[in-house]
Amino acid sequence: AERDVAMSVQARISKIVELAVTEKVFPGAVVGVVDSGGKTEIVPAGNLRYGEASPVSSETIYDTASITKAVVTSTLVLKWLDRGWVDLQQPAAPILAAFLKRKFSGELFSPENRAPLWEQVTLHHLLTYTVAFDLRLSHLKEHSFPGLLKKIVQAPIQSIGESYSYSNACSIFLTFIVLEIYFQKTGEEVSLGELAQTEIFEPLRMVNSSFSPDKHKQIAPTEID
């Protein structure tokens, strides 16, 4: 009976995913389900790309893209909170100024060069995406990294703490804060990928998760340029 239930769950999942593939919601997917008893069902369906026979398998790895904001960046902020390294109500500007001065230029985040209202922004505002930046990073693809940083720092702040406003800028600033706090507390210069590996992926035994996946593994393309 237990095996029949498992097969029933797998069949229902397969039907839903295969319908989505047929309707071209996506070319393929891998669905994983864990029940309350810890049993897992992994159901692959479709192909890596449209128009070719490149079947997805249970080992296919997908790019988590913006989920990185929650799985890595936000999680690290909360870990620093647990360690007593940060207070969510502390101002973000001094930490960002220290990081940007150390890594790029002392003038980049000076009061004269950054947007007004930064003094009111706290870690909590960035973590909850309640800083409304007047900025779309998709419009800045042609900028160099230093030029992009300058645009982000100078982006007007429309409101703080009033409403949810999803923005890549919040996550970028949080990443800088995560790295600066770690440097201040340990004296070690590390990347976000290294912190993700040692602080999140390895403790949770997420062996197929990394910022630089093994090129020999089956990795689904995020998009076709």
C-alpha atoms as a PDB file:
ATOM      1  CA  ALA A   1       0.000   0.000   0.000  1.00  0.00           C
ATOM      2  CA  GLU A   2       2.832   2.368   0.894  1.00  0.00           C
ATOM      3  CA  ARG A   3       4.466   1.705  -2.464  1.00  0.00           C
ATOM      4  CA  ASP A   4       1.137   2.376  -4.211  1.00  0.00           C
ATOM      5  CA  VAL A   5       0.829   5.737  -2.448  1.00  0.00           C
ATOM      6  CA  ALA A   6       4.373   6.670  -3.476  1.00  0.00           C
ATOM      7  CA  MET A   7       3.639   5.714  -7.071  1.00  0.00           C
ATOM      8  CA  SER A   8       0.412   7.714  -6.925  1.00  0.00           C
ATOM      9  CA  VAL A   9       2.268  10.820  -5.723  1.00  0.00           C
ATOM     10  CA  GLN A  10       4.910  10.376  -8.399  1.00  0.00           C
ATOM     11  CA  ALA A  11       2.259   9.917 -11.085  1.00  0.00           C
ATOM     12  CA  ARG A  12       0.385  13.072 -10.023  1.00  0.00           C
ATOM     13  CA  ILE A  13       3.598  15.123  -9.999  1.00  0.00           C
ATOM     14  CA  SER A  14       4.633  13.732 -13.388  1.00  0.00           C
ATOM     15  CA  LYS A  15       1.258  14.638 -14.873  1.00  0.00           C
ATOM     16  CA  ILE A  16       1.470  18.247 -13.651  1.00  0.00           C
ATOM     17  CA  VAL A  17       5.071  18.759 -14.774  1.00  0.00           C
ATOM     18  CA  GLU A  18       4.608  17.070 -18.149  1.00  0.00           C
ATOM     19  CA  LEU A  19       1.565  19.277 -18.823  1.00  0.00           C
ATOM     20  CA  ALA A  20       3.668  22.359 -18.071  1.00  0.00           C
ATOM     21  CA  VAL A  21       6.370  21.098 -20.453  1.00  0.00           C
ATOM     22  CA  THR A  22       3.751  20.489 -23.163  1.00  0.00           C
ATOM     23  CA  GLU A  23       2.382  24.012 -22.692  1.00  0.00           C
ATOM     24  CA  LYS A  24       5.956  25.369 -22.880  1.00  0.00           C
ATOM     25  CA  VAL A  25       5.972  26.872 -19.420  1.00  0.00           C
ATOM     26  CA  PHE A  26       9.534  25.518 -19.333  1.00  0.00           C
ATOM     27  CA  PRO A  27      11.470  22.933 -21.377  1.00  0.00           C
ATOM     28  CA  GLY A  28      12.095  20.668 -18.395  1.00  0.00           C
ATOM     29  CA  ALA A  29      12.192  20.460 -14.626  1.00  0.00           C
ATOM     30  CA  VAL A  30      13.090  18.306 -11.651  1.00  0.00           C
ATOM     31  CA  VAL A  31      10.565  18.194  -8.810  1.00  0.00           C
ATOM     32  CA  GLY A  32      11.545  16.962  -5.365  1.00  0.00           C
ATOM     33  CA  VAL A  33       9.058  16.179  -2.611  1.00  0.00           C
ATOM     34  CA  VAL A  34       9.887  15.217   0.975  1.00  0.00           C
ATOM     35  CA  ASP A  35       7.083  13.889   3.188  1.00  0.00           C
ATOM     36  CA  SER A  36       6.773  14.211   6.964  1.00  0.00           C
ATOM     37  CA  GLY A  37       8.538  10.888   7.410  1.00  0.00           C
ATOM     38  CA  GLY A  38      11.567  12.005   5.426  1.00  0.00           C
ATOM     39  CA  LYS A  39      10.829   9.944   2.322  1.00  0.00           C
ATOM     40  CA  THR A  40      11.716  11.641  -0.944  1.00  0.00           C
ATOM     41  CA  GLU A  41      10.327  11.533  -4.430  1.00  0.00           C
ATOM     42  CA  ILE A  42      12.340  13.030  -7.292  1.00  0.00           C
ATOM     43  CA  VAL A  43      10.565  13.408 -10.611  1.00  0.00           C
ATOM     44  CA  PRO A  44      12.440  14.644 -13.721  1.00  0.00           C
ATOM     45  CA  ALA A  45      10.553  15.639 -16.865  1.00  0.00           C
ATOM     46  CA  GLY A  46      11.234  17.239 -20.236  1.00  0.00           C
ATOM     47  CA  ASN A  47      14.511  18.385 -21.779  1.00  0.00           C
ATOM     48  CA  LEU A  48      17.269  20.876 -21.051  1.00  0.00           C
ATOM     49  CA  ARG A  49      16.337  22.932 -24.125  1.00  0.00           C
ATOM     50  CA  TYR A  50      13.373  23.290 -26.434  1.00  0.00           C
ATOM     51  CA  GLY A  51      13.603  21.460 -29.731  1.00  0.00           C
ATOM     52  CA  GLU A  52      16.249  18.899 -28.851  1.00  0.00           C
ATOM     53  CA  ALA A  53      16.507  15.517 -27.170  1.00  0.00           C
ATOM     54  CA  SER A  54      18.454  16.385 -24.015  1.00  0.00           C
ATOM     55  CA  PRO A  55      16.459  14.688 -21.257  1.00  0.00           C
ATOM     56  CA  VAL A  56      16.441  16.123 -17.766  1.00  0.00           C
ATOM     57  CA  SER A  57      17.538  13.646 -15.103  1.00  0.00           C
ATOM     58  CA  SER A  58      17.283  13.487 -11.328  1.00  0.00           C
ATOM     59  CA  GLU A  59      20.910  14.764 -11.292  1.00  0.00           C
ATOM     60  CA  THR A  60      20.260  17.890 -13.366  1.00  0.00           C
ATOM     61  CA  ILE A  61      21.340  21.096 -11.617  1.00  0.00           C
ATOM     62  CA  TYR A  62      19.447  24.357 -12.063  1.00  0.00           C
ATOM     63  CA  ASP A  63      20.543  27.945 -11.531  1.00  0.00           C
ATOM     64  CA  THR A  64      18.714  29.342  -8.491  1.00  0.00           C
ATOM     65  CA  ALA A  65      19.262  32.901  -9.760  1.00  0.00           C
ATOM     66  CA  SER A  66      17.515  35.432  -7.504  1.00  0.00           C
ATOM     67  CA  ILE A  67      16.712  32.775  -4.906  1.00  0.00           C
ATOM     68  CA  THR A  68      20.364  33.360  -3.942  1.00  0.00           C
ATOM     69  CA  LYS A  69      19.138  36.528  -2.224  1.00  0.00           C
ATOM     70  CA  ALA A  70      17.145  34.501   0.295  1.00  0.00           C
ATOM     71  CA  VAL A  71      19.100  31.240   0.475  1.00  0.00           C
ATOM     72  CA  VAL A  72      22.517  32.877   0.837  1.00  0.00           C
ATOM     73  CA  THR A  73      22.555  36.627   1.501  1.00  0.00           C
ATOM     74  CA  SER A  74      19.583  36.916   3.846  1.00  0.00           C
ATOM     75  CA  THR A  75      20.520  33.692   5.641  1.00  0.00           C
ATOM     76  CA  LEU A  76      24.031  35.006   6.308  1.00  0.00           C
ATOM     77  CA  VAL A  77      22.641  38.253   7.730  1.00  0.00           C
ATOM     78  CA  LEU A  78      20.497  36.205  10.128  1.00  0.00           C
ATOM     79  CA  LYS A  79      23.484  34.052  11.078  1.00  0.00           C
ATOM     80  CA  TRP A  80      25.463  37.183  11.928  1.00  0.00           C
ATOM     81  CA  LEU A  81      22.458  38.301  13.990  1.00  0.00           C
ATOM     82  CA  ASP A  82      22.483  34.990  15.905  1.00  0.00           C
ATOM     83  CA  ARG A  83      26.180  35.470  16.635  1.00  0.00           C
ATOM     84  CA  GLY A  84      25.585  38.959  17.960  1.00  0.00           C
ATOM     85  CA  TRP A  85      27.624  40.493  15.159  1.00  0.00           C
ATOM     86  CA  VAL A  86      24.868  42.808  13.930  1.00  0.00           C
ATOM     87  CA  ASP A  87      21.768  44.589  15.159  1.00  0.00           C
ATOM     88  CA  LEU A  88      19.023  44.838  12.547  1.00  0.00           C
ATOM     89  CA  GLN A  89      18.232  48.366  13.697  1.00  0.00           C
ATOM     90  CA  GLN A  90      21.774  49.631  13.196  1.00  0.00           C
ATOM     91  CA  PRO A  91      22.416  52.059  10.329  1.00  0.00           C
ATOM     92  CA  ALA A  92      23.663  50.483   7.131  1.00  0.00           C
ATOM     93  CA  ALA A  93      25.650  53.483   5.878  1.00  0.00           C
ATOM     94  CA  PRO A  94      28.744  53.203   8.175  1.00  0.00           C
ATOM     95  CA  ILE A  95      29.234  49.518   7.306  1.00  0.00           C
ATOM     96  CA  LEU A  96      28.847  50.171   3.599  1.00  0.00           C
ATOM     97  CA  ALA A  97      31.202  53.142   3.774  1.00  0.00           C
ATOM     98  CA  ALA A  98      33.868  50.977   5.430  1.00  0.00           C
ATOM     99  CA  PHE A  99      33.505  48.200   2.854  1.00  0.00           C
ATOM    100  CA  LEU A 100      33.509  50.451  -0.205  1.00  0.00           C
ATOM    101  CA  LYS A 101      36.436  52.502   1.093  1.00  0.00           C
ATOM    102  CA  ARG A 102      38.464  49.355   1.737  1.00  0.00           C
ATOM    103  CA  LYS A 103      37.601  47.668  -1.565  1.00  0.00           C
ATOM    104  CA  PHE A 104      37.133  50.493  -4.035  1.00  0.00           C
ATOM    105  CA  SER A 105      37.366  54.167  -3.123  1.00  0.00           C
ATOM    106  CA  GLY A 106      36.912  56.293  -0.029  1.00  0.00           C
ATOM    107  CA  GLU A 107      34.910  58.801  -2.044  1.00  0.00           C
ATOM    108  CA  LEU A 108      32.431  56.338  -3.532  1.00  0.00           C
ATOM    109  CA  PHE A 109      30.074  56.244  -0.535  1.00  0.00           C
ATOM    110  CA  SER A 110      30.954  59.582   1.039  1.00  0.00           C
ATOM    111  CA  PRO A 111      28.010  61.705   2.225  1.00  0.00           C
ATOM    112  CA  GLU A 112      28.579  64.033  -0.725  1.00  0.00           C
ATOM    113  CA  ASN A 113      28.394  61.257  -3.306  1.00  0.00           C
ATOM    114  CA  ARG A 114      25.653  58.967  -2.012  1.00  0.00           C
ATOM    115  CA  ALA A 115      21.938  59.608  -2.298  1.00  0.00           C
ATOM    116  CA  PRO A 116      20.160  61.555   0.464  1.00  0.00           C
ATOM    117  CA  LEU A 117      18.256  59.592   3.159  1.00  0.00           C
ATOM    118  CA  TRP A 118      20.940  56.898   3.481  1.00  0.00           C
ATOM    119  CA  GLU A 119      21.419  57.846   7.146  1.00  0.00           C
ATOM    120  CA  GLN A 120      17.902  56.552   7.827  1.00  0.00           C
ATOM    121  CA  VAL A 121      18.419  53.119   6.203  1.00  0.00           C
ATOM    122  CA  THR A 122      18.920  50.212   8.617  1.00  0.00           C
ATOM    123  CA  LEU A 123      19.867  46.584   8.041  1.00  0.00           C
ATOM    124  CA  HIS A 124      16.235  45.701   8.708  1.00  0.00           C
ATOM    125  CA  HIS A 125      15.087  47.930   5.842  1.00  0.00           C
ATOM    126  CA  LEU A 126      17.492  46.248   3.414  1.00  0.00           C
ATOM    127  CA  LEU A 127      16.665  42.760   4.669  1.00  0.00           C
ATOM    128  CA  THR A 128      12.919  43.321   4.264  1.00  0.00           C
ATOM    129  CA  TYR A 129      13.221  45.183   0.944  1.00  0.00           C
ATOM    130  CA  THR A 130      11.535  48.284   2.297  1.00  0.00           C
ATOM    131  CA  VAL A 131      13.960  50.743   0.723  1.00  0.00           C
ATOM    132  CA  ALA A 132      12.454  51.999  -2.528  1.00  0.00           C
ATOM    133  CA  PHE A 133      15.349  52.789  -4.881  1.00  0.00           C
ATOM    134  CA  ASP A 134      14.584  54.627  -8.108  1.00  0.00           C
ATOM    135  CA  LEU A 135      16.751  52.258 -10.124  1.00  0.00           C
ATOM    136  CA  ARG A 136      16.488  49.399 -12.607  1.00  0.00           C
ATOM    137  CA  LEU A 137      19.689  47.404 -12.956  1.00  0.00           C
ATOM    138  CA  SER A 138      18.449  45.963 -16.246  1.00  0.00           C
ATOM    139  CA  HIS A 139      18.956  49.437 -17.729  1.00  0.00           C
ATOM    140  CA  LEU A 140      22.611  49.495 -16.670  1.00  0.00           C
ATOM    141  CA  LYS A 141      23.941  46.369 -18.381  1.00  0.00           C
ATOM    142  CA  GLU A 142      26.471  48.294 -20.469  1.00  0.00           C
ATOM    143  CA  HIS A 143      28.167  49.899 -17.463  1.00  0.00           C
ATOM    144  CA  SER A 144      31.479  48.696 -16.060  1.00  0.00           C
ATOM    145  CA  PHE A 145      31.371  47.392 -12.495  1.00  0.00           C
ATOM    146  CA  PRO A 146      32.760  50.650 -11.010  1.00  0.00           C
ATOM    147  CA  GLY A 147      30.262  52.620 -13.075  1.00  0.00           C
ATOM    148  CA  LEU A 148      27.441  50.349 -11.966  1.00  0.00           C
ATOM    149  CA  LEU A 149      28.438  50.761  -8.318  1.00  0.00           C
ATOM    150  CA  LYS A 150      28.403  54.530  -8.675  1.00  0.00           C
ATOM    151  CA  LYS A 151      24.917  54.442 -10.177  1.00  0.00           C
ATOM    152  CA  ILE A 152      23.632  52.219  -7.367  1.00  0.00           C
ATOM    153  CA  VAL A 153      25.139  54.381  -4.634  1.00  0.00           C
ATOM    154  CA  GLN A 154      23.694  57.537  -6.180  1.00  0.00           C
ATOM    155  CA  ALA A 155      20.255  56.040  -6.941  1.00  0.00           C
ATOM    156  CA  PRO A 156      17.544  58.222  -5.390  1.00  0.00           C
ATOM    157  CA  ILE A 157      15.721  56.716  -2.415  1.00  0.00           C
ATOM    158  CA  GLN A 158      11.995  57.306  -2.804  1.00  0.00           C
ATOM    159  CA  SER A 159      10.865  55.949   0.555  1.00  0.00           C
ATOM    160  CA  ILE A 160      12.105  53.957   3.552  1.00  0.00           C
ATOM    161  CA  GLY A 161      10.098  51.484   5.621  1.00  0.00           C
ATOM    162  CA  GLU A 162       6.762  52.337   4.038  1.00  0.00           C
ATOM    163  CA  SER A 163       6.169  49.365   1.762  1.00  0.00           C
ATOM    164  CA  TYR A 164       7.773  46.312   0.185  1.00  0.00           C
ATOM    165  CA  SER A 165       9.855  47.266  -2.850  1.00  0.00           C
ATOM    166  CA  TYR A 166      11.761  44.397  -4.450  1.00  0.00           C
ATOM    167  CA  SER A 167      15.142  45.558  -5.676  1.00  0.00           C
ATOM    168  CA  ASN A 168      18.464  44.002  -6.613  1.00  0.00           C
ATOM    169  CA  ALA A 169      20.126  47.006  -4.995  1.00  0.00           C
ATOM    170  CA  CYS A 170      18.983  45.888  -1.525  1.00  0.00           C
ATOM    171  CA  SER A 171      20.622  42.516  -2.021  1.00  0.00           C
ATOM    172  CA  ILE A 172      23.832  44.041  -3.383  1.00  0.00           C
ATOM    173  CA  PHE A 173      24.156  46.320  -0.348  1.00  0.00           C
ATOM    174  CA  LEU A 174      23.358  43.420   2.006  1.00  0.00           C
ATOM    175  CA  THR A 175      26.106  41.363   0.372  1.00  0.00           C
ATOM    176  CA  PHE A 176      28.609  44.159   1.002  1.00  0.00           C
ATOM    177  CA  ILE A 177      27.447  44.321   4.629  1.00  0.00           C
ATOM    178  CA  VAL A 178      27.764  40.542   5.089  1.00  0.00           C
ATOM    179  CA  LEU A 179      31.342  40.623   3.762  1.00  0.00           C
ATOM    180  CA  GLU A 180      32.366  43.689   5.759  1.00  0.00           C
ATOM    181  CA  ILE A 181      30.987  42.373   9.050  1.00  0.00           C
ATOM    182  CA  TYR A 182      32.761  39.052   8.510  1.00  0.00           C
ATOM    183  CA  PHE A 183      36.023  40.889   7.791  1.00  0.00           C
ATOM    184  CA  GLN A 184      35.654  43.081  10.877  1.00  0.00           C
ATOM    185  CA  LYS A 185      34.938  40.102  13.137  1.00  0.00           C
ATOM    186  CA  THR A 186      37.491  37.629  11.763  1.00  0.00           C
ATOM    187  CA  GLY A 187      40.055  39.642   9.814  1.00  0.00           C
ATOM    188  CA  GLU A 188      39.517  37.294   6.867  1.00  0.00           C
ATOM    189  CA  GLU A 189      38.831  38.466   3.322  1.00  0.00           C
ATOM    190  CA  VAL A 190      36.374  36.052   1.710  1.00  0.00           C
ATOM    191  CA  SER A 191      33.877  35.992  -1.127  1.00  0.00           C
ATOM    192  CA  LEU A 192      30.130  35.467  -0.843  1.00  0.00           C
ATOM    193  CA  GLY A 193      30.569  32.103  -2.544  1.00  0.00           C
ATOM    194  CA  GLU A 194      33.109  30.989   0.047  1.00  0.00           C
ATOM    195  CA  LEU A 195      30.823  32.030   2.895  1.00  0.00           C
ATOM    196  CA  ALA A 196      27.898  30.239   1.282  1.00  0.00           C
ATOM    197  CA  GLN A 197      29.968  27.067   1.061  1.00  0.00           C
ATOM    198  CA  THR A 198      31.297  27.058   4.634  1.00  0.00           C
ATOM    199  CA  GLU A 199      28.328  28.593   6.444  1.00  0.00           C
ATOM    200  CA  ILE A 200      25.355  27.090   4.566  1.00  0.00           C
ATOM    201  CA  PHE A 201      25.978  24.434   1.916  1.00  0.00           C
ATOM    202  CA  GLU A 202      28.477  22.246   3.764  1.00  0.00           C
ATOM    203  CA  PRO A 203      26.648  22.227   7.151  1.00  0.00           C
ATOM    204  CA  LEU A 204      23.397  21.321   5.387  1.00  0.00           C
ATOM    205  CA  ARG A 205      25.139  18.750   3.164  1.00  0.00           C
ATOM    206  CA  MET A 206      23.978  20.582   0.030  1.00  0.00           C
ATOM    207  CA  VAL A 207      26.642  18.807  -2.011  1.00  0.00           C
ATOM    208  CA  ASN A 208      25.318  19.927  -5.399  1.00  0.00           C
ATOM    209  CA  SER A 209      25.005  23.598  -4.467  1.00  0.00           C
ATOM    210  CA  SER A 210      27.785  26.073  -5.151  1.00  0.00           C
ATOM    211  CA  PHE A 211      28.598  29.346  -6.874  1.00  0.00           C
ATOM    212  CA  SER A 212      30.961  27.468  -9.227  1.00  0.00           C
ATOM    213  CA  PRO A 213      29.378  24.099 -10.054  1.00  0.00           C
ATOM    214  CA  ASP A 214      31.406  21.228 -11.476  1.00  0.00           C
ATOM    215  CA  LYS A 215      31.438  21.663 -15.246  1.00  0.00           C
ATOM    216  CA  HIS A 216      31.170  17.886 -15.685  1.00  0.00           C
ATOM    217  CA  LYS A 217      27.740  17.799 -14.061  1.00  0.00           C
ATOM    218  CA  GLN A 218      24.530  18.185 -16.048  1.00  0.00           C
ATOM    219  CA  ILE A 219      23.607  21.860 -15.675  1.00  0.00           C
ATOM    220  CA  ALA A 220      20.489  23.204 -17.308  1.00  0.00           C
ATOM    221  CA  PRO A 221      20.928  26.495 -19.216  1.00  0.00           C
ATOM    222  CA  THR A 222      19.234  29.457 -17.548  1.00  0.00           C
ATOM    223  CA  GLU A 223      18.595  31.198 -20.845  1.00  0.00           C
ATOM    224  CA  ILE A 224      19.676  31.000 -24.475  1.00  0.00           C
ATOM    225  CA  ASP A 225      21.556  34.135 -25.607  1.00  0.00           C
END
